[in-house]
């Protein structure tokens, strides 16, 4: 049976039941709720330089392969900093934008990018997606095609197709079967162990306690607090808060048990929060914010609480977010 390549400019056109048949490794950033929610909420779109240009392969009228893809007018929200490339293009009188990007907006999380239906010829379908991307570049004048934060199997196929490859580093925590947090600390050097205990003690002495909630437990008041903290964080660092409150609401409702928020509480009032997503045996740290700052609170909410959660629930890996080895 022959393949039919399509470009989809509205993710809602993808049938949700057919999407569920694709292999996406239980990655929450490839959940239908996540990708659809970004577009439905207006968190991405032409106003932000993200024009949906999804690549899809159909076989016999059924979705057989898909690559979440966008035409980009800028490089914001990608976490791969190609400003030097854009500058080099401009200095040589060549237009760098628009470019074509396969990836997940605002999410520097490695995962499948060339998704294929279970039980099908994966290599043939991935090659068909690559050909579709290259045709789009030629037909619509995109300067380049980028495929960001790809899993190793996609990396190999993309390299075999002649694409330029690059590598970068992220730092993840691996669960070595720890019984509790102290068991984890026992494997560290004495100086580091004492430092972490001191940080956690400072948070306790400030009178802070922590409460975890999953999607169905999060009320509208909680969502308002989550979003206010998210806005504060982005504004404090001079960044553009692209995600809308309706996106957080949609994720909490539709991801449910895979959407987690830990609230830092002082005198029965929330003062900070950190949002996590989970799936495939992993916990992903995503968004953080506080209305009142306390010593060591950031690391407690975003990192140590996540480690506690992974140990308690037997999750094998914690990805606390892009940044350095201090995490």
Protein backbone atom coordinates (compact mmCIF):
# COMPACT_ATOMS: atom_id res chain seq x y z
CA UNK A 1 0.00 0.00 0.00
CA UNK A 2 1.40 3.42 -0.91
CA UNK A 3 2.03 6.31 1.48
CA UNK A 4 0.24 9.64 1.27
CA UNK A 5 2.13 12.63 2.69
CA UNK A 6 0.13 15.52 4.17
CA UNK A 7 0.92 18.81 5.87
CA UNK A 8 -1.48 19.50 8.74
CA UNK A 9 -1.84 23.10 9.87
CA UNK A 10 -4.26 22.46 12.75
CA UNK A 11 -3.48 19.66 15.20
CA UNK A 12 -7.19 19.17 15.96
CA UNK A 13 -7.48 17.67 12.47
CA UNK A 14 -5.57 14.63 13.76
CA UNK A 15 -7.88 11.85 14.92
CA UNK A 16 -7.23 11.21 18.60
CA UNK A 17 -7.87 7.46 18.35
CA UNK A 18 -5.37 7.16 15.49
CA UNK A 19 -2.87 9.27 17.44
CA UNK A 20 -3.03 6.76 20.28
CA UNK A 21 -1.77 4.04 17.90
CA UNK A 22 1.53 5.87 17.33
CA UNK A 23 4.56 4.97 19.42
CA UNK A 24 5.44 7.95 21.60
CA UNK A 25 6.99 6.14 24.61
CA UNK A 26 4.39 7.55 27.04
CA UNK A 27 6.19 10.87 26.73
CA UNK A 28 3.76 13.47 28.18
CA UNK A 29 5.05 16.15 25.80
CA UNK A 30 3.81 14.01 22.92
CA UNK A 31 0.44 13.39 24.50
CA UNK A 32 -2.48 14.52 22.36
CA UNK A 33 -3.51 16.80 25.23
CA UNK A 34 -0.16 18.60 25.24
CA UNK A 35 0.20 19.27 21.51
CA UNK A 36 -3.49 20.04 20.98
CA UNK A 37 -3.60 22.20 24.10
CA UNK A 38 -0.78 24.43 22.88
CA UNK A 39 -2.76 25.34 19.77
CA UNK A 40 -6.24 25.40 21.30
CA UNK A 41 -5.16 27.76 24.09
CA UNK A 42 -3.35 30.16 21.77
CA UNK A 43 -0.05 29.51 23.56
CA UNK A 44 1.49 29.05 20.12
CA UNK A 45 0.47 30.46 16.77
CA UNK A 46 1.48 33.12 14.25
CA UNK A 47 1.57 35.77 17.01
CA UNK A 48 4.45 33.86 18.64
CA UNK A 49 6.21 32.79 15.45
CA UNK A 50 4.98 29.18 15.68
CA UNK A 51 2.99 28.23 12.56
CA UNK A 52 1.77 24.60 12.75
CA UNK A 53 3.13 22.70 9.75
CA UNK A 54 2.85 19.10 10.99
CA UNK A 55 4.15 16.32 8.76
CA UNK A 56 1.89 13.29 8.46
CA UNK A 57 2.02 10.06 6.51
CA UNK A 58 -1.24 8.22 5.85
CA UNK A 59 -1.59 4.66 4.66
CA UNK A 60 -4.99 3.53 3.47
CA UNK A 61 -6.57 6.61 5.00
CA UNK A 62 -5.11 5.83 8.45
CA UNK A 63 -2.42 7.85 10.23
CA UNK A 64 0.81 5.86 9.93
CA UNK A 65 3.48 8.40 10.91
CA UNK A 66 3.68 11.93 12.26
CA UNK A 67 6.28 14.56 13.10
CA UNK A 68 5.20 17.59 15.22
CA UNK A 69 6.50 20.40 13.06
CA UNK A 70 6.27 24.18 12.85
CA UNK A 71 7.28 26.92 10.46
CA UNK A 72 9.25 29.41 12.55
CA UNK A 73 9.66 33.17 12.17
CA UNK A 74 12.11 33.27 15.09
CA UNK A 75 14.08 30.95 17.36
CA UNK A 76 12.22 31.60 20.60
CA UNK A 77 11.09 28.67 22.73
CA UNK A 78 13.35 26.08 21.12
CA UNK A 79 16.22 25.88 23.65
CA UNK A 80 18.66 25.32 20.79
CA UNK A 81 20.36 28.63 20.35
CA UNK A 82 20.97 29.16 16.66
CA UNK A 83 21.16 32.96 16.75
CA UNK A 84 24.70 32.81 15.32
CA UNK A 85 23.38 30.91 12.30
CA UNK A 86 20.67 33.50 11.76
CA UNK A 87 23.24 36.27 12.03
CA UNK A 88 25.57 34.54 9.56
CA UNK A 89 22.73 34.20 7.06
CA UNK A 90 21.84 37.88 7.40
CA UNK A 91 25.45 39.06 7.03
CA UNK A 92 25.66 37.10 3.80
CA UNK A 93 22.42 38.49 2.42
CA UNK A 94 20.41 35.28 2.88
CA UNK A 95 17.10 34.92 4.70
CA UNK A 96 17.25 32.48 7.63
CA UNK A 97 13.57 32.79 8.53
CA UNK A 98 11.21 31.17 7.95
CA UNK A 99 12.75 27.85 8.88
CA UNK A 100 11.11 24.49 9.55
CA UNK A 101 11.34 22.92 13.00
CA UNK A 102 10.34 19.47 14.21
CA UNK A 103 10.09 19.46 17.99
CA UNK A 104 7.85 20.32 20.93
CA UNK A 105 7.40 24.04 21.67
CA UNK A 106 8.96 25.35 24.88
CA UNK A 107 10.03 21.84 25.90
CA UNK A 108 13.73 20.89 25.83
CA UNK A 109 12.91 17.24 26.49
CA UNK A 110 14.38 14.40 24.45
CA UNK A 111 11.83 12.05 22.91
CA UNK A 112 10.57 10.50 19.68
CA UNK A 113 10.20 13.02 16.87
CA UNK A 114 9.47 10.72 13.91
CA UNK A 115 6.45 8.90 15.31
CA UNK A 116 5.27 5.71 13.64
CA UNK A 117 2.28 3.43 14.11
CA UNK A 118 2.86 0.25 16.06
CA UNK A 119 3.46 -2.83 13.95
CA UNK A 120 4.44 -0.91 10.80
CA UNK A 121 7.74 -0.59 8.93
CA UNK A 122 9.32 2.08 11.13
CA UNK A 123 12.33 2.82 8.93
CA UNK A 124 10.27 3.24 5.77
CA UNK A 125 7.80 5.55 7.52
CA UNK A 126 10.55 7.66 9.08
CA UNK A 127 12.20 8.02 5.69
CA UNK A 128 8.84 9.12 4.27
CA UNK A 129 8.58 11.82 6.96
CA UNK A 130 12.11 13.02 6.17
CA UNK A 131 11.27 13.21 2.46
CA UNK A 132 8.10 15.15 3.31
CA UNK A 133 10.12 17.66 5.34
CA UNK A 134 12.69 18.17 2.60
CA UNK A 135 9.97 18.63 -0.02
CA UNK A 136 8.33 21.26 2.20
CA UNK A 137 11.61 23.15 2.43
CA UNK A 138 12.03 23.19 -1.35
CA UNK A 139 8.40 23.94 -2.14
CA UNK A 140 7.81 26.66 0.46
CA UNK A 141 11.26 28.17 0.68
CA UNK A 142 12.25 27.27 4.24
CA UNK A 143 15.95 27.95 4.70
CA UNK A 144 16.60 24.87 6.81
CA UNK A 145 14.91 22.00 8.61
CA UNK A 146 15.74 21.40 12.28
CA UNK A 147 14.82 18.35 14.34
CA UNK A 148 15.45 19.06 18.03
CA UNK A 149 15.94 16.81 21.08
CA UNK A 150 15.62 13.60 19.10
CA UNK A 151 15.83 10.10 20.52
CA UNK A 152 18.75 7.93 19.41
CA UNK A 153 16.78 5.81 16.92
CA UNK A 154 15.59 8.97 15.14
CA UNK A 155 19.09 10.44 15.34
CA UNK A 156 20.47 7.47 13.40
CA UNK A 157 17.84 7.62 10.63
CA UNK A 158 18.25 11.39 10.27
CA UNK A 159 22.03 11.01 9.99
CA UNK A 160 21.68 8.30 7.36
CA UNK A 161 19.53 10.73 5.36
CA UNK A 162 22.49 13.12 5.22
CA UNK A 163 21.37 15.68 7.80
CA UNK A 164 24.00 17.55 9.78
CA UNK A 165 24.12 16.19 13.33
CA UNK A 166 24.95 17.89 16.60
CA UNK A 167 25.05 16.77 20.22
CA UNK A 168 24.53 18.51 23.53
CA UNK A 169 24.37 17.57 27.21
CA UNK A 170 21.63 17.37 29.79
CA UNK A 171 21.93 16.21 33.39
CA UNK A 172 19.39 13.68 34.65
CA UNK A 173 19.04 11.93 38.00
CA UNK A 174 18.87 8.13 37.93
CA UNK A 175 17.14 6.13 40.63
CA UNK A 176 19.49 3.44 41.88
CA UNK A 177 16.76 1.69 43.83
CA UNK A 178 16.95 4.06 46.79
CA UNK A 179 14.75 3.24 49.78
CA UNK A 180 14.40 6.87 50.83
CA UNK A 181 16.09 10.26 50.47
CA UNK A 182 18.68 9.46 53.14
CA UNK A 183 19.61 6.34 51.19
CA UNK A 184 20.29 8.58 48.17
CA UNK A 185 22.34 11.00 50.31
CA UNK A 186 24.46 8.14 51.63
CA UNK A 187 26.02 7.77 48.19
CA UNK A 188 27.23 11.37 48.10
CA UNK A 189 30.42 12.88 49.44
CA UNK A 190 30.20 14.11 53.01
CA UNK A 191 30.44 17.79 52.06
CA UNK A 192 27.62 17.55 49.53
CA UNK A 193 25.48 15.48 51.88
CA UNK A 194 25.83 18.05 54.66
CA UNK A 195 25.07 20.91 52.26
CA UNK A 196 21.82 19.32 51.08
CA UNK A 197 20.69 18.53 54.60
CA UNK A 198 21.41 22.11 55.64
CA UNK A 199 19.36 23.46 52.73
CA UNK A 200 16.40 21.22 53.55
CA UNK A 201 16.62 22.11 57.23
CA UNK A 202 16.45 25.82 56.43
CA UNK A 203 13.23 25.29 54.54
CA UNK A 204 11.72 23.34 57.43
CA UNK A 205 12.83 25.95 59.96
CA UNK A 206 11.07 28.62 57.88
CA UNK A 207 7.82 26.81 58.69
CA UNK A 208 7.19 25.55 55.16
CA UNK A 209 5.44 22.31 54.35
CA UNK A 210 4.72 20.74 50.97
CA UNK A 211 1.59 19.26 49.44
CA UNK A 212 1.39 17.35 46.15
CA UNK A 213 -1.68 17.35 43.92
CA UNK A 214 -2.38 15.65 40.60
CA UNK A 215 -4.60 16.97 37.82
CA UNK A 216 -8.01 15.93 39.12
CA UNK A 217 -7.19 17.31 42.59
CA UNK A 218 -6.26 20.76 41.32
CA UNK A 219 -9.03 23.32 41.74
CA UNK A 220 -9.55 26.61 39.89
CA UNK A 221 -8.02 28.51 42.82
CA UNK A 222 -4.93 26.32 42.55
CA UNK A 223 -4.72 27.00 38.81
CA UNK A 224 -4.91 30.73 39.42
CA UNK A 225 -2.02 30.47 41.87
CA UNK A 226 0.02 28.25 39.52
CA UNK A 227 -0.40 30.68 36.67
CA UNK A 228 0.37 33.76 38.78
CA UNK A 229 3.63 32.13 39.92
CA UNK A 230 4.48 31.14 36.34
CA UNK A 231 3.97 34.73 35.19
CA UNK A 232 6.09 36.11 38.03
CA UNK A 233 9.01 33.85 37.16
CA UNK A 234 9.03 34.77 33.49
CA UNK A 235 8.60 38.47 34.12
CA UNK A 236 11.29 38.52 36.80
CA UNK A 237 13.78 37.16 34.28
CA UNK A 238 12.57 39.37 31.43
CA UNK A 239 11.17 36.45 29.40
CA UNK A 240 7.94 36.20 27.47
CA UNK A 241 5.31 34.05 29.31
CA UNK A 242 3.94 32.27 26.25
CA UNK A 243 1.73 29.68 27.92
CA UNK A 244 -1.85 30.64 28.71
CA UNK A 245 -3.77 29.77 31.86
CA UNK A 246 -6.19 27.73 29.76
CA UNK A 247 -3.25 25.55 28.68
CA UNK A 248 -2.46 24.66 32.30
CA UNK A 249 -6.15 24.00 32.93
CA UNK A 250 -6.36 21.72 29.90
CA UNK A 251 -3.25 19.78 30.90
CA UNK A 252 -4.45 19.27 34.47
CA UNK A 253 -7.81 17.98 33.27
CA UNK A 254 -6.62 15.83 30.37
CA UNK A 255 -3.30 14.48 31.66
CA UNK A 256 -4.76 14.00 35.16
CA UNK A 257 -2.43 11.56 36.97
CA UNK A 258 0.51 12.63 34.80
CA UNK A 259 0.17 16.30 35.80
CA UNK A 260 1.66 17.08 39.22
CA UNK A 261 2.06 20.23 41.26
CA UNK A 262 3.83 20.56 44.59
CA UNK A 263 2.75 23.55 46.65
CA UNK A 264 4.94 25.13 49.33
CA UNK A 265 2.63 26.21 52.15
CA UNK A 266 3.27 28.71 54.95
CA UNK A 267 0.61 29.36 57.62
CA UNK A 268 -1.96 27.46 55.52
CA UNK A 269 -1.34 29.68 52.47
CA UNK A 270 0.56 28.63 49.31
CA UNK A 271 3.70 30.69 48.74
CA UNK A 272 5.35 28.76 45.88
CA UNK A 273 4.72 25.94 43.44
CA UNK A 274 6.49 23.65 40.99
CA UNK A 275 4.79 21.81 38.11
CA UNK A 276 5.94 18.37 36.94
CA UNK A 277 4.79 15.97 34.23
CA UNK A 278 5.35 12.23 34.28
CA UNK A 279 5.30 9.30 31.88
CA UNK A 280 7.37 6.36 30.77
CA UNK A 281 8.90 5.91 34.24
CA UNK A 282 10.19 9.50 34.30
CA UNK A 283 9.39 12.70 36.12
CA UNK A 284 9.94 15.97 34.28
CA UNK A 285 10.39 19.26 36.10
CA UNK A 286 8.77 22.08 34.15
CA UNK A 287 7.57 25.35 35.74
CA UNK A 288 8.22 27.08 39.04
CA UNK A 289 7.31 30.29 40.77
CA UNK A 290 6.95 31.88 44.20
CA UNK A 291 5.06 34.80 45.68
CA UNK A 292 7.35 34.98 48.73
CA UNK A 293 10.96 33.90 48.65
CA UNK A 294 12.74 31.81 51.28
CA UNK A 295 16.31 30.56 51.49
CA UNK A 296 16.77 27.28 49.54
CA UNK A 297 13.06 27.13 48.60
CA UNK A 298 13.69 27.00 44.85
CA UNK A 299 15.87 23.89 45.02
CA UNK A 300 13.61 22.23 47.58
CA UNK A 301 10.48 22.68 45.45
CA UNK A 302 12.00 21.98 42.05
CA UNK A 303 14.60 19.35 42.84
CA UNK A 304 14.54 17.71 46.26
CA UNK A 305 10.76 17.31 46.26
CA UNK A 306 11.05 15.71 42.81
CA UNK A 307 13.69 13.28 44.06
CA UNK A 308 11.48 12.36 47.01
CA UNK A 309 8.58 11.73 44.62
CA UNK A 310 10.66 9.51 42.30
CA UNK A 311 11.98 7.44 45.20
CA UNK A 312 8.54 7.03 46.77
CA UNK A 313 6.82 6.08 43.51
CA UNK A 314 9.63 4.04 41.95
CA UNK A 315 10.26 6.31 38.95
CA UNK A 316 13.57 5.56 37.29
CA UNK A 317 14.66 8.96 36.01
CA UNK A 318 14.18 12.60 36.96
CA UNK A 319 14.73 15.30 34.36
CA UNK A 320 14.61 18.52 36.41
CA UNK A 321 14.84 20.79 33.37
CA UNK A 322 17.50 22.30 31.16
CA UNK A 323 20.47 23.90 32.95
CA UNK A 324 23.73 22.68 34.41
CA UNK A 325 25.32 19.87 36.33
CA UNK A 326 24.44 21.48 39.68
CA UNK A 327 21.10 19.72 39.23
